[in-house]
């Protein structure tokens, strides 16, 4: 595996700050999902956003009220979504399947 390019201290600090900001945004989005301030359809519309697009589907589903790790995995299994899939990588049919399953509960 090749080594990452050498970074100056300033570049390294900026990269760390950028990564920390992205983590905070992901935590905030998951918290908003849990509290019902945003819905899954809202989040699915924002998959072009770098932060939303890089979130794991399993983490998003587990953030929904009433959906835990087991239920999230079962939903993903039925929709044929890999455990490592990120939001940006979801297909149209997978999105429709998830929304349909969650609407029935």
PDB file of N, CA and C in Angstrom:
ATOM      1  N   UNK A   1       0.851  -1.177   0.000  1.00  0.00           N
ATOM      2  CA  UNK A   1       0.000   0.000   0.000  1.00  0.00           C
ATOM      3  C   UNK A   1       0.896   1.239   0.000  1.00  0.00           C
ATOM      4  N   UNK A   2       0.694   2.134  -0.946  1.00  0.00           N
ATOM      5  CA  UNK A   2       1.557   3.320  -1.019  1.00  0.00           C
ATOM      6  C   UNK A   2       1.303   4.262   0.162  1.00  0.00           C
ATOM      7  N   UNK A   3       2.336   4.974   0.503  1.00  0.00           N
ATOM      8  CA  UNK A   3       2.229   5.945   1.588  1.00  0.00           C
ATOM      9  C   UNK A   3       1.468   7.175   1.117  1.00  0.00           C
ATOM     10  N   UNK A   4       0.738   7.824   2.035  1.00  0.00           N
ATOM     11  CA  UNK A   4       0.050   9.055   1.638  1.00  0.00           C
ATOM     12  C   UNK A   4       1.073  10.140   1.316  1.00  0.00           C
ATOM     13  N   UNK A   5       0.672  11.115   0.525  1.00  0.00           N
ATOM     14  CA  UNK A   5       1.624  12.180   0.182  1.00  0.00           C
ATOM     15  C   UNK A   5       2.031  12.952   1.438  1.00  0.00           C
ATOM     16  N   UNK A   6       3.261  13.405   1.472  1.00  0.00           N
ATOM     17  CA  UNK A   6       3.697  14.167   2.647  1.00  0.00           C
ATOM     18  C   UNK A   6       2.932  15.493   2.739  1.00  0.00           C
ATOM     19  N   UNK A   7       2.490  15.811   3.936  1.00  0.00           N
ATOM     20  CA  UNK A   7       1.741  17.048   4.157  1.00  0.00           C
ATOM     21  C   UNK A   7       2.513  17.956   5.099  1.00  0.00           C
ATOM     22  N   UNK A   8       2.387  19.234   4.883  1.00  0.00           N
ATOM     23  CA  UNK A   8       2.979  20.185   5.815  1.00  0.00           C
ATOM     24  C   UNK A   8       2.124  20.182   7.081  1.00  0.00           C
ATOM     25  N   UNK A   9       2.634  20.759   8.125  1.00  0.00           N
ATOM     26  CA  UNK A   9       1.872  20.823   9.382  1.00  0.00           C
ATOM     27  C   UNK A   9       0.542  21.541   9.180  1.00  0.00           C
ATOM     28  N   UNK A  10       0.575  22.607   8.409  1.00  0.00           N
ATOM     29  CA  UNK A  10      -0.649  23.375   8.134  1.00  0.00           C
ATOM     30  C   UNK A  10      -1.667  22.525   7.371  1.00  0.00           C
ATOM     31  N   UNK A  11      -1.206  21.818   6.347  1.00  0.00           N
ATOM     32  CA  UNK A  11      -2.109  20.962   5.567  1.00  0.00           C
ATOM     33  C   UNK A  11      -2.691  19.852   6.436  1.00  0.00           C
ATOM     34  N   UNK A  12      -1.860  19.266   7.276  1.00  0.00           N
ATOM     35  CA  UNK A  12      -2.311  18.198   8.173  1.00  0.00           C
ATOM     36  C   UNK A  12      -3.373  18.731   9.134  1.00  0.00           C
ATOM     37  N   UNK A  13      -3.139  19.904   9.706  1.00  0.00           N
ATOM     38  CA  UNK A  13      -4.088  20.505  10.639  1.00  0.00           C
ATOM     39  C   UNK A  13      -5.417  20.791   9.943  1.00  0.00           C
ATOM     40  N   UNK A  14      -5.342  21.336   8.720  1.00  0.00           N
ATOM     41  CA  UNK A  14      -6.568  21.629   7.965  1.00  0.00           C
ATOM     42  C   UNK A  14      -7.343  20.352   7.647  1.00  0.00           C
ATOM     43  N   UNK A  15      -6.622  19.294   7.292  1.00  0.00           N
ATOM     44  CA  UNK A  15      -7.280  18.016   6.986  1.00  0.00           C
ATOM     45  C   UNK A  15      -7.958  17.449   8.229  1.00  0.00           C
ATOM     46  N   UNK A  16      -7.296  17.559   9.374  1.00  0.00           N
ATOM     47  CA  UNK A  16      -7.884  17.073  10.627  1.00  0.00           C
ATOM     48  C   UNK A  16      -9.129  17.870  11.000  1.00  0.00           C
ATOM     49  N   UNK A  17      -9.074  19.179  10.811  1.00  0.00           N
ATOM     50  CA  UNK A  17     -10.239  20.020  11.103  1.00  0.00           C
ATOM     51  C   UNK A  17     -11.404  19.681  10.178  1.00  0.00           C
ATOM     52  N   UNK A  18     -11.092  19.456   8.904  1.00  0.00           N
ATOM     53  CA  UNK A  18     -12.127  19.108   7.929  1.00  0.00           C
ATOM     54  C   UNK A  18     -12.781  17.770   8.291  1.00  0.00           C
ATOM     55  N   UNK A  19     -11.970  16.802   8.695  1.00  0.00           N
ATOM     56  CA  UNK A  19     -12.497  15.488   9.085  1.00  0.00           C
ATOM     57  C   UNK A  19     -13.355  15.600  10.342  1.00  0.00           C
ATOM     58  N   UNK A  20     -12.914  16.401  11.302  1.00  0.00           N
ATOM     59  CA  UNK A  20     -13.683  16.580  12.536  1.00  0.00           C
ATOM     60  C   UNK A  20     -15.020  17.253  12.245  1.00  0.00           C
ATOM     61  N   UNK A  21     -15.021  18.227  11.347  1.00  0.00           N
ATOM     62  CA  UNK A  21     -16.261  18.907  10.968  1.00  0.00           C
ATOM     63  C   UNK A  21     -17.234  17.926  10.315  1.00  0.00           C
ATOM     64  N   UNK A  22     -16.732  17.080   9.434  1.00  0.00           N
ATOM     65  CA  UNK A  22     -17.588  16.080   8.768  1.00  0.00           C
ATOM     66  C   UNK A  22     -18.180  15.121   9.796  1.00  0.00           C
ATOM     67  N   UNK A  23     -17.380  14.695  10.775  1.00  0.00           N
ATOM     68  CA  UNK A  23     -17.896  13.793  11.823  1.00  0.00           C
ATOM     69  C   UNK A  23     -18.986  14.470  12.631  1.00  0.00           C
ATOM     70  N   UNK A  24     -18.781  15.741  12.975  1.00  0.00           N
ATOM     71  CA  UNK A  24     -19.801  16.476  13.741  1.00  0.00           C
ATOM     72  C   UNK A  24     -21.098  16.593  12.949  1.00  0.00           C
ATOM     73  N   UNK A  25     -20.982  16.854  11.644  1.00  0.00           N
ATOM     74  CA  UNK A  25     -22.180  16.967  10.805  1.00  0.00           C
ATOM     75  C   UNK A  25     -22.919  15.635  10.732  1.00  0.00           C
ATOM     76  N   UNK A  26     -22.176  14.525  10.620  1.00  0.00           N
ATOM     77  CA  UNK A  26     -22.825  13.206  10.577  1.00  0.00           C
ATOM     78  C   UNK A  26     -23.549  12.916  11.884  1.00  0.00           C
ATOM     79  N   UNK A  27     -22.918  13.236  12.996  1.00  0.00           N
ATOM     80  CA  UNK A  27     -23.550  13.025  14.303  1.00  0.00           C
ATOM     81  C   UNK A  27     -24.809  13.876  14.414  1.00  0.00           C
ATOM     82  N   UNK A  28     -24.731  15.119  13.962  1.00  0.00           N
ATOM     83  CA  UNK A  28     -25.882  16.022  14.012  1.00  0.00           C
ATOM     84  C   UNK A  28     -27.036  15.491  13.154  1.00  0.00           C
ATOM     85  N   UNK A  29     -26.732  15.010  11.960  1.00  0.00           N
ATOM     86  CA  UNK A  29     -27.770  14.461  11.083  1.00  0.00           C
ATOM     87  C   UNK A  29     -28.426  13.236  11.711  1.00  0.00           C
ATOM     88  N   UNK A  30     -27.621  12.351  12.299  1.00  0.00           N
ATOM     89  CA  UNK A  30     -28.189  11.155  12.928  1.00  0.00           C
ATOM     90  C   UNK A  30     -29.058  11.538  14.120  1.00  0.00           C
ATOM     91  N   UNK A  31     -28.649  12.552  14.858  1.00  0.00           N
ATOM     92  CA  UNK A  31     -29.444  13.029  15.991  1.00  0.00           C
ATOM     93  C   UNK A  31     -30.768  13.622  15.508  1.00  0.00           C
ATOM     94  N   UNK A  32     -30.733  14.379  14.412  1.00  0.00           N
ATOM     95  CA  UNK A  32     -31.964  14.945  13.853  1.00  0.00           C
ATOM     96  C   UNK A  32     -32.904  13.847  13.371  1.00  0.00           C
ATOM     97  N   UNK A  33     -32.364  12.782  12.798  1.00  0.00           N
ATOM     98  CA  UNK A  33     -33.188  11.641  12.387  1.00  0.00           C
ATOM     99  C   UNK A  33     -33.851  11.002  13.599  1.00  0.00           C
ATOM    100  N   UNK A  34     -33.060  10.789  14.636  1.00  0.00           N
ATOM    101  CA  UNK A  34     -33.565  10.144  15.847  1.00  0.00           C
ATOM    102  C   UNK A  34     -34.691  10.960  16.481  1.00  0.00           C
ATOM    103  N   UNK A  35     -34.562  12.285  16.445  1.00  0.00           N
ATOM    104  CA  UNK A  35     -35.565  13.166  17.057  1.00  0.00           C
ATOM    105  C   UNK A  35     -36.721  13.487  16.115  1.00  0.00           C
ATOM    106  N   UNK A  36     -36.643  13.028  14.871  1.00  0.00           N
ATOM    107  CA  UNK A  36     -37.717  13.256  13.914  1.00  0.00           C
ATOM    108  C   UNK A  36     -37.705  14.634  13.275  1.00  0.00           C
ATOM    109  N   UNK A  37     -36.607  15.361  13.405  1.00  0.00           N
ATOM    110  CA  UNK A  37     -36.520  16.696  12.805  1.00  0.00           C
ATOM    111  C   UNK A  37     -36.337  16.622  11.290  1.00  0.00           C
ATOM    112  N   UNK A  38     -35.716  15.544  10.825  1.00  0.00           N
ATOM    113  CA  UNK A  38     -35.630  15.287   9.389  1.00  0.00           C
ATOM    114  C   UNK A  38     -36.055  13.837   9.161  1.00  0.00           C
ATOM    115  N   UNK A  39     -36.488  13.551   7.951  1.00  0.00           N
ATOM    116  CA  UNK A  39     -36.957  12.198   7.647  1.00  0.00           C
ATOM    117  C   UNK A  39     -35.971  11.505   6.713  1.00  0.00           C
ATOM    118  N   UNK A  40     -36.146  10.214   6.575  1.00  0.00           N
ATOM    119  CA  UNK A  40     -35.292   9.462   5.659  1.00  0.00           C
ATOM    120  C   UNK A  40     -35.445   9.952   4.218  1.00  0.00           C
ATOM    121  N   UNK A  41     -36.680  10.219   3.740  1.00  0.00           N
ATOM    122  CA  UNK A  41     -36.787  10.755   2.371  1.00  0.00           C
ATOM    123  C   UNK A  41     -36.013  12.066   2.185  1.00  0.00           C
ATOM    124  N   UNK A  42     -36.030  12.931   3.218  1.00  0.00           N
ATOM    125  CA  UNK A  42     -35.263  14.182   3.141  1.00  0.00           C
ATOM    126  C   UNK A  42     -33.774  13.882   2.972  1.00  0.00           C
ATOM    127  N   UNK A  43     -33.299  12.925   3.745  1.00  0.00           N
ATOM    128  CA  UNK A  43     -31.883  12.582   3.698  1.00  0.00           C
ATOM    129  C   UNK A  43     -31.518  11.932   2.360  1.00  0.00           C
ATOM    130  N   UNK A  44     -32.417  11.103   1.836  1.00  0.00           N
ATOM    131  CA  UNK A  44     -32.154  10.444   0.553  1.00  0.00           C
ATOM    132  C   UNK A  44     -32.064  11.448  -0.592  1.00  0.00           C
ATOM    133  N   UNK A  45     -32.736  12.575  -0.467  1.00  0.00           N
ATOM    134  CA  UNK A  45     -32.659  13.622  -1.489  1.00  0.00           C
ATOM    135  C   UNK A  45     -31.324  14.363  -1.444  1.00  0.00           C
ATOM    136  N   UNK A  46     -30.625  14.242  -0.319  1.00  0.00           N
ATOM    137  CA  UNK A  46     -29.379  14.990  -0.131  1.00  0.00           C
ATOM    138  C   UNK A  46     -28.132  14.126  -0.299  1.00  0.00           C
ATOM    139  N   UNK A  47     -28.239  13.001  -0.993  1.00  0.00           N
ATOM    140  CA  UNK A  47     -27.079  12.112  -1.108  1.00  0.00           C
ATOM    141  C   UNK A  47     -25.944  12.704  -1.942  1.00  0.00           C
ATOM    142  N   UNK A  48     -26.213  13.775  -2.678  1.00  0.00           N
ATOM    143  CA  UNK A  48     -25.139  14.445  -3.419  1.00  0.00           C
ATOM    144  C   UNK A  48     -24.229  15.234  -2.483  1.00  0.00           C
ATOM    145  N   UNK A  49     -24.740  15.590  -1.309  1.00  0.00           N
ATOM    146  CA  UNK A  49     -23.942  16.271  -0.297  1.00  0.00           C
ATOM    147  C   UNK A  49     -22.837  15.307   0.153  1.00  0.00           C
ATOM    148  N   UNK A  50     -21.615  15.783   0.241  1.00  0.00           N
ATOM    149  CA  UNK A  50     -20.480  14.923   0.584  1.00  0.00           C
ATOM    150  C   UNK A  50     -20.661  14.240   1.933  1.00  0.00           C
ATOM    151  N   UNK A  51     -21.175  14.964   2.921  1.00  0.00           N
ATOM    152  CA  UNK A  51     -21.334  14.396   4.260  1.00  0.00           C
ATOM    153  C   UNK A  51     -22.397  13.305   4.251  1.00  0.00           C
ATOM    154  N   UNK A  52     -23.551  13.585   3.665  1.00  0.00           N
ATOM    155  CA  UNK A  52     -24.642  12.608   3.615  1.00  0.00           C
ATOM    156  C   UNK A  52     -24.240  11.418   2.751  1.00  0.00           C
ATOM    157  N   UNK A  53     -23.635  11.679   1.622  1.00  0.00           N
ATOM    158  CA  UNK A  53     -23.260  10.617   0.696  1.00  0.00           C
ATOM    159  C   UNK A  53     -22.289   9.613   1.273  1.00  0.00           C
ATOM    160  N   UNK A  54     -21.454  10.044   2.205  1.00  0.00           N
ATOM    161  CA  UNK A  54     -20.450   9.154   2.785  1.00  0.00           C
ATOM    162  C   UNK A  54     -20.935   8.431   4.038  1.00  0.00           C
ATOM    163  N   UNK A  55     -22.167   8.698   4.468  1.00  0.00           N
ATOM    164  CA  UNK A  55     -22.706   8.011   5.645  1.00  0.00           C
ATOM    165  C   UNK A  55     -23.067   6.577   5.274  1.00  0.00           C
ATOM    166  N   UNK A  56     -22.818   5.656   6.169  1.00  0.00           N
ATOM    167  CA  UNK A  56     -23.207   4.268   5.937  1.00  0.00           C
ATOM    168  C   UNK A  56     -24.720   4.139   6.087  1.00  0.00           C
ATOM    169  N   UNK A  57     -25.326   3.358   5.214  1.00  0.00           N
ATOM    170  CA  UNK A  57     -26.775   3.149   5.249  1.00  0.00           C
ATOM    171  C   UNK A  57     -27.175   2.538   6.590  1.00  0.00           C
ATOM    172  N   UNK A  58     -26.386   1.598   7.095  1.00  0.00           N
ATOM    173  CA  UNK A  58     -26.714   0.952   8.368  1.00  0.00           C
ATOM    174  C   UNK A  58     -26.757   1.967   9.506  1.00  0.00           C
ATOM    175  N   UNK A  59     -25.823   2.908   9.535  1.00  0.00           N
ATOM    176  CA  UNK A  59     -25.798   3.923  10.591  1.00  0.00           C
ATOM    177  C   UNK A  59     -27.017   4.830  10.502  1.00  0.00           C
ATOM    178  N   UNK A  60     -27.421   5.166   9.283  1.00  0.00           N
ATOM    179  CA  UNK A  60     -28.598   6.016   9.091  1.00  0.00           C
ATOM    180  C   UNK A  60     -29.848   5.290   9.570  1.00  0.00           C
ATOM    181  N   UNK A  61     -30.013   4.031   9.159  1.00  0.00           N
ATOM    182  CA  UNK A  61     -31.202   3.272   9.559  1.00  0.00           C
ATOM    183  C   UNK A  61     -31.258   3.083  11.069  1.00  0.00           C
ATOM    184  N   UNK A  62     -30.119   2.808  11.691  1.00  0.00           N
ATOM    185  CA  UNK A  62     -30.079   2.619  13.139  1.00  0.00           C
ATOM    186  C   UNK A  62     -30.407   3.909  13.881  1.00  0.00           C
ATOM    187  N   UNK A  63     -30.287   5.040  13.221  1.00  0.00           N
ATOM    188  CA  UNK A  63     -30.605   6.326  13.843  1.00  0.00           C
ATOM    189  C   UNK A  63     -32.097   6.622  13.832  1.00  0.00           C
ATOM    190  N   UNK A  64     -32.852   5.882  13.035  1.00  0.00           N
ATOM    191  CA  UNK A  64     -34.298   6.111  12.965  1.00  0.00           C
ATOM    192  C   UNK A  64     -34.970   5.607  14.234  1.00  0.00           C
ATOM    193  N   UNK A  65     -36.000   6.312  14.705  1.00  0.00           N
ATOM    194  CA  UNK A  65     -36.722   5.846  15.894  1.00  0.00           C
ATOM    195  C   UNK A  65     -37.346   4.474  15.632  1.00  0.00           C
ATOM    196  N   UNK A  66     -37.159   3.559  16.562  1.00  0.00           N
ATOM    197  CA  UNK A  66     -37.757   2.234  16.455  1.00  0.00           C
ATOM    198  C   UNK A  66     -36.982   1.262  15.591  1.00  0.00           C
ATOM    199  N   UNK A  67     -35.822   1.676  15.097  1.00  0.00           N
ATOM    200  CA  UNK A  67     -35.000   0.785  14.274  1.00  0.00           C
ATOM    201  C   UNK A  67     -33.658   0.613  14.971  1.00  0.00           C
ATOM    202  N   UNK A  68     -33.368  -0.614  15.341  1.00  0.00           N
ATOM    203  CA  UNK A  68     -32.083  -0.918  15.963  1.00  0.00           C
ATOM    204  C   UNK A  68     -31.178  -1.632  14.984  1.00  0.00           C
ATOM    205  N   UNK A  69     -30.117  -2.183  15.508  1.00  0.00           N
ATOM    206  CA  UNK A  69     -29.131  -2.856  14.664  1.00  0.00           C
ATOM    207  C   UNK A  69     -29.737  -4.049  13.918  1.00  0.00           C
ATOM    208  N   UNK A  70     -30.511  -4.878  14.625  1.00  0.00           N
ATOM    209  CA  UNK A  70     -31.091  -6.078  14.008  1.00  0.00           C
ATOM    210  C   UNK A  70     -32.089  -5.702  12.920  1.00  0.00           C
ATOM    211  N   UNK A  71     -32.987  -4.798  13.225  1.00  0.00           N
ATOM    212  CA  UNK A  71     -34.005  -4.392  12.243  1.00  0.00           C
ATOM    213  C   UNK A  71     -33.355  -3.728  11.025  1.00  0.00           C
ATOM    214  N   UNK A  72     -32.338  -2.908  11.271  1.00  0.00           N
ATOM    215  CA  UNK A  72     -31.635  -2.247  10.166  1.00  0.00           C
ATOM    216  C   UNK A  72     -30.997  -3.284   9.246  1.00  0.00           C
ATOM    217  N   UNK A  73     -30.372  -4.292   9.834  1.00  0.00           N
ATOM    218  CA  UNK A  73     -29.733  -5.333   9.015  1.00  0.00           C
ATOM    219  C   UNK A  73     -30.765  -6.113   8.208  1.00  0.00           C
ATOM    220  N   UNK A  74     -31.913  -6.406   8.827  1.00  0.00           N
ATOM    221  CA  UNK A  74     -32.970  -7.135   8.115  1.00  0.00           C
ATOM    222  C   UNK A  74     -33.519  -6.304   6.957  1.00  0.00           C
ATOM    223  N   UNK A  75     -33.718  -5.007   7.197  1.00  0.00           N
ATOM    224  CA  UNK A  75     -34.187  -4.119   6.128  1.00  0.00           C
ATOM    225  C   UNK A  75     -33.194  -4.103   4.968  1.00  0.00           C
ATOM    226  N   UNK A  76     -31.928  -4.005   5.308  1.00  0.00           N
ATOM    227  CA  UNK A  76     -30.898  -3.954   4.280  1.00  0.00           C
ATOM    228  C   UNK A  76     -30.816  -5.282   3.520  1.00  0.00           C
ATOM    229  N   UNK A  77     -30.983  -6.369   4.247  1.00  0.00           N
ATOM    230  CA  UNK A  77     -30.947  -7.689   3.616  1.00  0.00           C
ATOM    231  C   UNK A  77     -32.077  -7.837   2.602  1.00  0.00           C
ATOM    232  N   UNK A  78     -33.295  -7.445   3.007  1.00  0.00           N
ATOM    233  CA  UNK A  78     -34.449  -7.565   2.114  1.00  0.00           C
ATOM    234  C   UNK A  78     -34.311  -6.657   0.889  1.00  0.00           C
ATOM    235  N   UNK A  79     -33.656  -5.519   1.064  1.00  0.00           N
ATOM    236  CA  UNK A  79     -33.468  -4.588  -0.057  1.00  0.00           C
ATOM    237  C   UNK A  79     -32.190  -4.889  -0.842  1.00  0.00           C
ATOM    238  N   UNK A  80     -31.498  -5.960  -0.439  1.00  0.00           N
ATOM    239  CA  UNK A  80     -30.244  -6.364  -1.082  1.00  0.00           C
ATOM    240  C   UNK A  80     -29.208  -5.242  -1.067  1.00  0.00           C
ATOM    241  N   UNK A  81     -29.021  -4.678   0.133  1.00  0.00           N
ATOM    242  CA  UNK A  81     -28.041  -3.613   0.331  1.00  0.00           C
ATOM    243  C   UNK A  81     -26.886  -4.179   1.146  1.00  0.00           C
ATOM    244  N   UNK A  82     -25.692  -4.038   0.660  1.00  0.00           N
ATOM    245  CA  UNK A  82     -24.497  -4.507   1.351  1.00  0.00           C
ATOM    246  C   UNK A  82     -24.315  -3.748   2.666  1.00  0.00           C
ATOM    247  N   UNK A  83     -23.740  -4.427   3.664  1.00  0.00           N
ATOM    248  CA  UNK A  83     -23.506  -3.783   4.962  1.00  0.00           C
ATOM    249  C   UNK A  83     -22.548  -2.603   4.855  1.00  0.00           C
ATOM    250  N   UNK A  84     -21.693  -2.622   3.855  1.00  0.00           N
ATOM    251  CA  UNK A  84     -20.708  -1.545   3.717  1.00  0.00           C
ATOM    252  C   UNK A  84     -21.193  -0.409   2.817  1.00  0.00           C
ATOM    253  N   UNK A  85     -22.415  -0.508   2.299  1.00  0.00           N
ATOM    254  CA  UNK A  85     -22.944   0.486   1.352  1.00  0.00           C
ATOM    255  C   UNK A  85     -23.087   1.847   2.022  1.00  0.00           C
ATOM    256  N   UNK A  86     -22.736   2.857   1.283  1.00  0.00           N
ATOM    257  CA  UNK A  86     -22.904   4.233   1.746  1.00  0.00           C
ATOM    258  C   UNK A  86     -24.116   4.835   1.055  1.00  0.00           C
ATOM    259  N   UNK A  87     -24.633   5.913   1.604  1.00  0.00           N
ATOM    260  CA  UNK A  87     -25.869   6.519   1.103  1.00  0.00           C
ATOM    261  C   UNK A  87     -25.770   6.880  -0.378  1.00  0.00           C
ATOM    262  N   UNK A  88     -24.637   7.403  -0.807  1.00  0.00           N
ATOM    263  CA  UNK A  88     -24.472   7.816  -2.197  1.00  0.00           C
ATOM    264  C   UNK A  88     -24.585   6.628  -3.148  1.00  0.00           C
ATOM    265  N   UNK A  89     -24.267   5.430  -2.683  1.00  0.00           N
ATOM    266  CA  UNK A  89     -24.256   4.254  -3.538  1.00  0.00           C
ATOM    267  C   UNK A  89     -25.578   3.525  -3.658  1.00  0.00           C
ATOM    268  N   UNK A  90     -26.626   4.034  -3.016  1.00  0.00           N
ATOM    269  CA  UNK A  90     -27.929   3.367  -3.096  1.00  0.00           C
ATOM    270  C   UNK A  90     -28.557   3.551  -4.471  1.00  0.00           C
ATOM    271  N   UNK A  91     -29.133   2.478  -4.982  1.00  0.00           N
ATOM    272  CA  UNK A  91     -29.843   2.549  -6.254  1.00  0.00           C
ATOM    273  C   UNK A  91     -31.280   2.999  -6.042  1.00  0.00           C
ATOM    274  N   UNK A  92     -31.950   3.335  -7.123  1.00  0.00           N
ATOM    275  CA  UNK A  92     -33.332   3.817  -7.066  1.00  0.00           C
ATOM    276  C   UNK A  92     -34.241   2.770  -6.433  1.00  0.00           C
ATOM    277  N   UNK A  93     -34.113   1.519  -6.864  1.00  0.00           N
ATOM    278  CA  UNK A  93     -34.972   0.457  -6.329  1.00  0.00           C
ATOM    279  C   UNK A  93     -34.684   0.200  -4.855  1.00  0.00           C
ATOM    280  N   UNK A  94     -33.430   0.303  -4.452  1.00  0.00           N
ATOM    281  CA  UNK A  94     -33.086   0.115  -3.042  1.00  0.00           C
ATOM    282  C   UNK A  94     -33.707   1.218  -2.192  1.00  0.00           C
ATOM    283  N   UNK A  95     -33.652   2.449  -2.677  1.00  0.00           N
ATOM    284  CA  UNK A  95     -34.265   3.568  -1.952  1.00  0.00           C
ATOM    285  C   UNK A  95     -35.765   3.355  -1.831  1.00  0.00           C
ATOM    286  N   UNK A  96     -36.406   2.975  -2.941  1.00  0.00           N
ATOM    287  CA  UNK A  96     -37.851   2.746  -2.932  1.00  0.00           C
ATOM    288  C   UNK A  96     -38.219   1.628  -1.972  1.00  0.00           C
ATOM    289  N   UNK A  97     -37.429   0.565  -1.950  1.00  0.00           N
ATOM    290  CA  UNK A  97     -37.701  -0.567  -1.065  1.00  0.00           C
ATOM    291  C   UNK A  97     -37.608  -0.138   0.395  1.00  0.00           C
ATOM    292  N   UNK A  98     -36.563   0.601   0.737  1.00  0.00           N
ATOM    293  CA  UNK A  98     -36.404   1.069   2.120  1.00  0.00           C
ATOM    294  C   UNK A  98     -37.573   1.958   2.535  1.00  0.00           C
ATOM    295  N   UNK A  99     -37.926   2.903   1.687  1.00  0.00           N
ATOM    296  CA  UNK A  99     -39.022   3.816   2.013  1.00  0.00           C
ATOM    297  C   UNK A  99     -40.336   3.059   2.151  1.00  0.00           C
ATOM    298  N   UNK A 100     -40.572   2.083   1.277  1.00  0.00           N
ATOM    299  CA  UNK A 100     -41.788   1.282   1.351  1.00  0.00           C
ATOM    300  C   UNK A 100     -41.853   0.459   2.627  1.00  0.00           C
ATOM    301  N   UNK A 101     -40.745  -0.171   2.986  1.00  0.00           N
ATOM    302  CA  UNK A 101     -40.690  -0.983   4.209  1.00  0.00           C
ATOM    303  C   UNK A 101     -40.922  -0.120   5.448  1.00  0.00           C
ATOM    304  N   UNK A 102     -40.306   1.040   5.479  1.00  0.00           N
ATOM    305  CA  UNK A 102     -40.427   1.899   6.659  1.00  0.00           C
ATOM    306  C   UNK A 102     -41.794   2.564   6.735  1.00  0.00           C
ATOM    307  N   UNK A 103     -42.453   2.756   5.597  1.00  0.00           N
ATOM    308  CA  UNK A 103     -43.788   3.358   5.592  1.00  0.00           C
ATOM    309  C   UNK A 103     -44.818   2.389   6.166  1.00  0.00           C
ATOM    310  N   UNK A 104     -44.557   1.083   6.042  1.00  0.00           N
ATOM    311  CA  UNK A 104     -45.500   0.066   6.526  1.00  0.00           C
ATOM    312  C   UNK A 104     -45.476  -0.129   8.029  1.00  0.00           C
ATOM    313  N   UNK A 105     -44.475   0.360   8.686  1.00  0.00           N
ATOM    314  CA  UNK A 105     -44.384   0.089  10.133  1.00  0.00           C
ATOM    315  C   UNK A 105     -45.178   1.027  10.953  1.00  0.00           C
TER     316      UNK A 105
END
